C-alpha atoms as a PDB file:
ATOM      1  CA  MET A   1       4.637   1.391   6.485  1.00  0.00           C
ATOM      2  CA  SER A   2       4.431  -1.675   8.871  1.00  0.00           C
ATOM      3  CA  THR A   3       7.714  -3.496   9.899  1.00  0.00           C
ATOM      4  CA  LEU A   4       6.156  -6.598   9.953  1.00  0.00           C
ATOM      5  CA  ALA A   5       6.822  -8.473   6.582  1.00  0.00           C
ATOM      6  CA  PHE A   6       6.047 -12.068   5.955  1.00  0.00           C
ATOM      7  CA  THR A   7       9.013 -13.146   3.757  1.00  0.00           C
ATOM      8  CA  GLY A   8      10.961 -16.231   3.049  1.00  0.00           C
ATOM      9  CA  ASP A   9      10.593 -19.047   5.594  1.00  0.00           C
ATOM     10  CA  MET A  10       7.821 -16.724   7.740  1.00  0.00           C
ATOM     11  CA  ALA A  11       5.918 -16.616   3.975  1.00  0.00           C
ATOM     12  CA  GLN A  12       5.786 -20.301   3.802  1.00  0.00           C
ATOM     13  CA  LEU A  13       4.644 -20.662   7.667  1.00  0.00           C
ATOM     14  CA  GLN A  14       1.849 -18.023   7.237  1.00  0.00           C
ATOM     15  CA  GLN A  15       0.587 -19.611   4.137  1.00  0.00           C
ATOM     16  CA  ALA A  16       0.688 -23.258   5.750  1.00  0.00           C
ATOM     17  CA  ILE A  17      -1.398 -21.652   8.620  1.00  0.00           C
ATOM     18  CA  ALA A  18      -4.004 -19.969   6.063  1.00  0.00           C
ATOM     19  CA  GLU A  19      -4.947 -23.355   5.105  1.00  0.00           C
ATOM     20  CA  SER A  20      -5.776 -24.672   8.677  1.00  0.00           C
ATOM     21  CA  HIS A  21      -9.178 -25.336   9.853  1.00  0.00           C
ATOM     22  CA  ASP A  22      -9.513 -22.480  11.862  1.00  0.00           C
ATOM     23  CA  LEU A  23      -8.634 -20.120   9.368  1.00  0.00           C
ATOM     24  CA  VAL A  24     -10.853 -21.368   6.746  1.00  0.00           C
ATOM     25  CA  ILE A  25     -13.496 -20.757   9.226  1.00  0.00           C
ATOM     26  CA  ARG A  26     -12.515 -17.336   9.631  1.00  0.00           C
ATOM     27  CA  ARG A  27     -12.382 -16.692   6.209  1.00  0.00           C
ATOM     28  CA  SER A  28     -15.954 -17.810   6.076  1.00  0.00           C
ATOM     29  CA  THR A  29     -16.937 -15.355   8.831  1.00  0.00           C
ATOM     30  CA  VAL A  30     -15.177 -12.515   7.309  1.00  0.00           C
ATOM     31  CA  LEU A  31     -17.046 -13.062   4.049  1.00  0.00           C
ATOM     32  CA  GLU A  32     -20.262 -13.350   5.537  1.00  0.00           C
ATOM     33  CA  ALA A  33     -19.953  -9.938   7.263  1.00  0.00           C
ATOM     34  CA  LEU A  34     -18.551  -8.396   4.111  1.00  0.00           C
ATOM     35  CA  ASN A  35     -21.779  -9.596   2.171  1.00  0.00           C
ATOM     36  CA  LEU A  36     -20.509  -8.756  -1.168  1.00  0.00           C
ATOM     37  CA  ARG A  37     -22.304  -8.496  -4.191  1.00  0.00           C
ATOM     38  CA  THR A  38     -21.947  -9.424  -7.902  1.00  0.00           C
ATOM     39  CA  GLY A  39     -19.881  -6.326  -9.300  1.00  0.00           C
ATOM     40  CA  GLU A  40     -18.581  -4.669  -6.419  1.00  0.00           C
ATOM     41  CA  ARG A  41     -14.864  -3.248  -6.649  1.00  0.00           C
ATOM     42  CA  VAL A  42     -13.009  -4.755  -3.355  1.00  0.00           C
ATOM     43  CA  LEU A  43      -9.960  -4.072  -1.917  1.00  0.00           C
ATOM     44  CA  GLU A  44      -7.972  -6.161   0.592  1.00  0.00           C
ATOM     45  CA  VAL A  45      -5.551  -4.494   2.613  1.00  0.00           C
ATOM     46  CA  GLY A  46      -2.628  -6.821   3.465  1.00  0.00           C
ATOM     47  CA  CYS A  47      -3.680  -9.606   1.306  1.00  0.00           C
ATOM     48  CA  GLY A  48      -0.833 -12.400   2.507  1.00  0.00           C
ATOM     49  CA  GLY A  49      -0.930 -15.293   0.114  1.00  0.00           C
ATOM     50  CA  GLY A  50      -4.071 -14.406  -1.573  1.00  0.00           C
ATOM     51  CA  TYR A  51      -6.782 -16.742   0.155  1.00  0.00           C
ATOM     52  CA  TYR A  52      -9.281 -13.966   0.901  1.00  0.00           C
ATOM     53  CA  ALA A  53      -8.786 -12.346  -2.750  1.00  0.00           C
ATOM     54  CA  ARG A  54      -9.384 -15.427  -4.474  1.00  0.00           C
ATOM     55  CA  GLU A  55     -12.733 -16.201  -2.655  1.00  0.00           C
ATOM     56  CA  VAL A  56     -13.660 -12.634  -2.999  1.00  0.00           C
ATOM     57  CA  ALA A  57     -13.127 -12.859  -6.633  1.00  0.00           C
ATOM     58  CA  GLN A  58     -15.576 -15.548  -6.568  1.00  0.00           C
ATOM     59  CA  PHE A  59     -18.379 -13.854  -4.871  1.00  0.00           C
ATOM     60  CA  VAL A  60     -17.977 -10.697  -6.910  1.00  0.00           C
ATOM     61  CA  GLY A  61     -17.752 -12.435 -10.164  1.00  0.00           C
ATOM     62  CA  ARG A  62     -15.841 -11.086 -13.598  1.00  0.00           C
ATOM     63  CA  ALA A  63     -18.229  -7.926 -13.820  1.00  0.00           C
ATOM     64  CA  ASP A  64     -15.443  -5.423 -12.035  1.00  0.00           C
ATOM     65  CA  ARG A  65     -12.315  -6.247  -9.912  1.00  0.00           C
ATOM     66  CA  VAL A  66     -10.651  -7.314  -6.735  1.00  0.00           C
ATOM     67  CA  CYS A  67      -7.377  -5.755  -5.841  1.00  0.00           C
ATOM     68  CA  ALA A  68      -5.223  -6.910  -3.029  1.00  0.00           C
ATOM     69  CA  ILE A  69      -2.190  -5.395  -1.661  1.00  0.00           C
ATOM     70  CA  ASP A  70       0.489  -6.142   0.918  1.00  0.00           C
ATOM     71  CA  ILE A  71       4.233  -4.903   1.510  1.00  0.00           C
ATOM     72  CA  SER A  72       5.865  -8.269   1.532  1.00  0.00           C
ATOM     73  CA  PRO A  73       7.140  -9.511  -2.374  1.00  0.00           C
ATOM     74  CA  ASP A  74       7.127 -12.977  -1.587  1.00  0.00           C
ATOM     75  CA  GLN A  75       3.280 -12.799  -0.253  1.00  0.00           C
ATOM     76  CA  ILE A  76       2.263 -11.042  -3.387  1.00  0.00           C
ATOM     77  CA  THR A  77       4.124 -13.613  -5.579  1.00  0.00           C
ATOM     78  CA  ALA A  78       1.807 -16.359  -3.660  1.00  0.00           C
ATOM     79  CA  ALA A  79      -1.348 -14.009  -3.839  1.00  0.00           C
ATOM     80  CA  ARG A  80      -0.569 -13.721  -7.761  1.00  0.00           C
ATOM     81  CA  ALA A  81      -0.116 -17.582  -8.397  1.00  0.00           C
ATOM     82  CA  ARG A  82      -3.237 -18.426  -6.231  1.00  0.00           C
ATOM     83  CA  CYS A  83      -5.167 -15.977  -8.315  1.00  0.00           C
ATOM     84  CA  ALA A  84      -3.466 -16.598 -12.003  1.00  0.00           C
ATOM     85  CA  ASP A  85      -6.457 -17.863 -13.278  1.00  0.00           C
ATOM     86  CA  MET A  86      -8.807 -14.923 -12.430  1.00  0.00           C
ATOM     87  CA  ALA A  87      -7.893 -12.018 -14.470  1.00  0.00           C
ATOM     88  CA  TRP A  88     -10.173  -9.943 -12.559  1.00  0.00           C
ATOM     89  CA  VAL A  89      -8.011  -9.982  -9.758  1.00  0.00           C
ATOM     90  CA  GLU A  90      -4.840  -7.529  -9.063  1.00  0.00           C
ATOM     91  CA  CYS A  91      -2.363  -8.422  -6.823  1.00  0.00           C
ATOM     92  CA  ARG A  92       0.488  -6.044  -6.053  1.00  0.00           C
ATOM     93  CA  GLU A  93       2.860  -4.699  -3.875  1.00  0.00           C
ATOM     94  CA  GLY A  94       1.414  -1.713  -1.821  1.00  0.00           C
ATOM     95  CA  ASP A  95       1.028  -0.082   1.523  1.00  0.00           C
ATOM     96  CA  ILE A  96      -2.031   1.318   3.144  1.00  0.00           C
ATOM     97  CA  ALA A  97      -0.098   4.312   3.962  1.00  0.00           C
ATOM     98  CA  ALA A  98       0.380   5.403   0.470  1.00  0.00           C
ATOM     99  CA  PRO A  99      -2.003   3.011  -1.467  1.00  0.00           C
ATOM    100  CA  PRO A 100      -1.594   3.050  -5.523  1.00  0.00           C
ATOM    101  CA  TYR A 101      -5.304   3.813  -5.801  1.00  0.00           C
ATOM    102  CA  GLY A 102      -7.369   6.731  -6.491  1.00  0.00           C
ATOM    103  CA  ASP A 103     -10.368   8.193  -4.647  1.00  0.00           C
ATOM    104  CA  ALA A 104     -13.761   6.442  -4.223  1.00  0.00           C
ATOM    105  CA  GLU A 105     -12.359   3.547  -6.323  1.00  0.00           C
ATOM    106  CA  PHE A 106     -13.832   0.808  -4.215  1.00  0.00           C
ATOM    107  CA  ASP A 107     -17.143  -0.397  -2.784  1.00  0.00           C
ATOM    108  CA  ALA A 108     -15.583  -2.282   0.103  1.00  0.00           C
ATOM    109  CA  ILE A 109     -12.331  -2.320   1.570  1.00  0.00           C
ATOM    110  CA  PHE A 110     -11.330  -5.155   4.136  1.00  0.00           C
ATOM    111  CA  ALA A 111      -8.330  -6.015   6.252  1.00  0.00           C
ATOM    112  CA  VAL A 112      -7.722  -8.964   8.406  1.00  0.00           C
ATOM    113  CA  GLN A 113      -5.269  -8.598  11.428  1.00  0.00           C
ATOM    114  CA  VAL A 114      -3.765  -5.652   9.583  1.00  0.00           C
ATOM    115  CA  LEU A 115      -4.540  -2.450  10.987  1.00  0.00           C
ATOM    116  CA  GLU A 116      -3.103  -3.181  14.489  1.00  0.00           C
ATOM    117  CA  TYR A 117       0.239  -3.454  13.194  1.00  0.00           C
ATOM    118  CA  LEU A 118       0.150   0.262  11.382  1.00  0.00           C
ATOM    119  CA  PRO A 119       2.678   2.637  12.995  1.00  0.00           C
ATOM    120  CA  ASP A 120       0.131   5.456  11.946  1.00  0.00           C
ATOM    121  CA  LEU A 121      -3.363   3.878  12.340  1.00  0.00           C
ATOM    122  CA  ASP A 122      -4.880   7.540  11.828  1.00  0.00           C
ATOM    123  CA  ALA A 123      -3.268   7.651   8.301  1.00  0.00           C
ATOM    124  CA  GLY A 124      -4.333   4.397   7.140  1.00  0.00           C
ATOM    125  CA  LEU A 125      -7.889   4.987   7.894  1.00  0.00           C
ATOM    126  CA  ARG A 126      -7.766   8.373   6.381  1.00  0.00           C
ATOM    127  CA  GLN A 127      -6.393   6.407   3.204  1.00  0.00           C
ATOM    128  CA  ILE A 128      -8.993   3.701   3.275  1.00  0.00           C
ATOM    129  CA  HIS A 129     -11.850   6.267   3.617  1.00  0.00           C
ATOM    130  CA  ARG A 130     -10.199   7.994   0.396  1.00  0.00           C
ATOM    131  CA  CYS A 131     -10.214   5.083  -1.570  1.00  0.00           C
ATOM    132  CA  CYS A 132     -13.856   3.917  -0.398  1.00  0.00           C
ATOM    133  CA  GLY A 133     -16.863   4.900  -2.497  1.00  0.00           C
ATOM    134  CA  PRO A 134     -19.676   6.797  -0.541  1.00  0.00           C
ATOM    135  CA  ALA A 135     -21.875   3.810  -0.307  1.00  0.00           C
ATOM    136  CA  GLY A 136     -18.990   1.548   0.517  1.00  0.00           C
ATOM    137  CA  GLY A 137     -17.740  -0.013   3.589  1.00  0.00           C
ATOM    138  CA  LEU A 138     -14.732  -1.328   5.851  1.00  0.00           C
ATOM    139  CA  ALA A 139     -14.636  -4.502   7.705  1.00  0.00           C
ATOM    140  CA  SER A 140     -11.664  -5.245   9.787  1.00  0.00           C
ATOM    141  CA  TRP A 141     -10.840  -8.475  11.594  1.00  0.00           C
ATOM    142  CA  ARG A 142      -9.123  -8.577  15.066  1.00  0.00           C
ATOM    143  CA  ARG A 143      -8.310 -11.350  17.380  1.00  0.00           C
ATOM    144  CA  ILE A 144     -11.824 -10.454  18.855  1.00  0.00           C
ATOM    145  CA  GLY A 145     -13.870 -10.460  15.687  1.00  0.00           C
ATOM    146  CA  VAL A 146     -15.186  -8.779  12.627  1.00  0.00           C
ATOM    147  CA  ARG A 147     -17.581  -5.623  12.189  1.00  0.00           C
ATOM    148  CA  ARG A 148     -18.710  -4.131   8.895  1.00  0.00           C
ATOM    149  CA  CYS A 149     -19.785  -0.342   8.921  1.00  0.00           C
ATOM    150  CA  GLY A 150     -20.849   1.775   5.835  1.00  0.00           C
ATOM    151  CA  ILE A 151     -19.109   4.783   5.526  1.00  0.00           C
ATOM    152  CA  ARG A 152     -22.411   6.579   6.177  1.00  0.00           C
ATOM    153  CA  ARG A 153     -23.046   4.768   9.044  1.00  0.00           C
ATOM    154  CA  MET A 154     -19.801   5.562  10.547  1.00  0.00           C
ATOM    155  CA  ARG A 155     -20.464   9.065  10.260  1.00  0.00           C
ATOM    156  CA  CYS A 156     -23.275   9.005  12.774  1.00  0.00           C
ATOM    157  CA  GLY A 157     -21.684   7.278  15.968  1.00  0.00           C
ATOM    158  CA  CYS A 158     -19.545   4.837  15.050  1.00  0.00           C
ATOM    159  CA  SER A 159     -17.488   4.606  18.427  1.00  0.00           C
ATOM    160  CA  GLY A 160     -19.139   1.322  19.315  1.00  0.00           C
ATOM    161  CA  CYS A 161     -19.528  -0.390  16.197  1.00  0.00           C
ATOM    162  CA  TRP A 162     -16.251  -1.239  14.873  1.00  0.00           C
ATOM    163  CA  PRO A 163     -13.030  -2.391  16.832  1.00  0.00           C
ATOM    164  CA  HIS A 164     -10.866   0.937  15.811  1.00  0.00           C
ATOM    165  CA  GLY A 165     -14.087   3.036  16.384  1.00  0.00           C
ATOM    166  CA  ARG A 166     -12.117   5.476  18.822  1.00  0.00           C
ATOM    167  CA  ARG A 167      -9.811   6.054  16.208  1.00  0.00           C
ATOM    168  CA  ILE A 168     -12.246   6.951  13.412  1.00  0.00           C
ATOM    169  CA  PRO A 169     -13.043  10.452  14.264  1.00  0.00           C
ATOM    170  CA  ARG A 170      -9.491  11.492  14.240  1.00  0.00           C
ATOM    171  CA  ALA A 171      -8.883   9.866  10.704  1.00  0.00           C
ATOM    172  CA  GLY A 172     -11.872  12.120   9.483  1.00  0.00           C
ATOM    173  CA  ILE A 173     -14.113   9.252   8.575  1.00  0.00           C
ATOM    174  CA  CYS A 174     -16.668  10.543  11.130  1.00  0.00           C
ATOM    175  CA  GLN A 175     -17.402  13.306  13.413  1.00  0.00           C
ATOM    176  CA  PRO A 176     -17.684  12.891  17.160  1.00  0.00           C
ATOM    177  CA  SER A 177     -21.264  13.478  18.391  1.00  0.00           C
END
């Protein structure tokens, strides 16, 4: 579990920043990279106040579900409030180190400025791989940009295609060439 938690005043500050112009643009960039389709099952890791979860839910529609986890109870409260009118969105406390989901439960998983804070990135990547279906993909945003790789594509030479690519072979997602 990360020790980075947004509660109280920090949660309110983070939510105010999430509404800024730059982060609205960033959400558009991330959503474009995800290339979501109606009916896809999506997990957001580190959902904060639920801004992405709400927009993702609009993309995939009521056909399936959107799940969002965060380690901060205050952020989950805000995310639930933001998505309250969308019954197919589930926001809950959770940690990617031990996600409360089964194997291959999602078609797409994404994290925005989250993975770099994990104390054990390899374990987090293994859990993401476990939760993502065989045709699924992972998108991760860091300060330098966003990348999306399908799990199958990751298995064949992923080291340059994703910001954390050098860690993926150790996590068991793909084999080094």
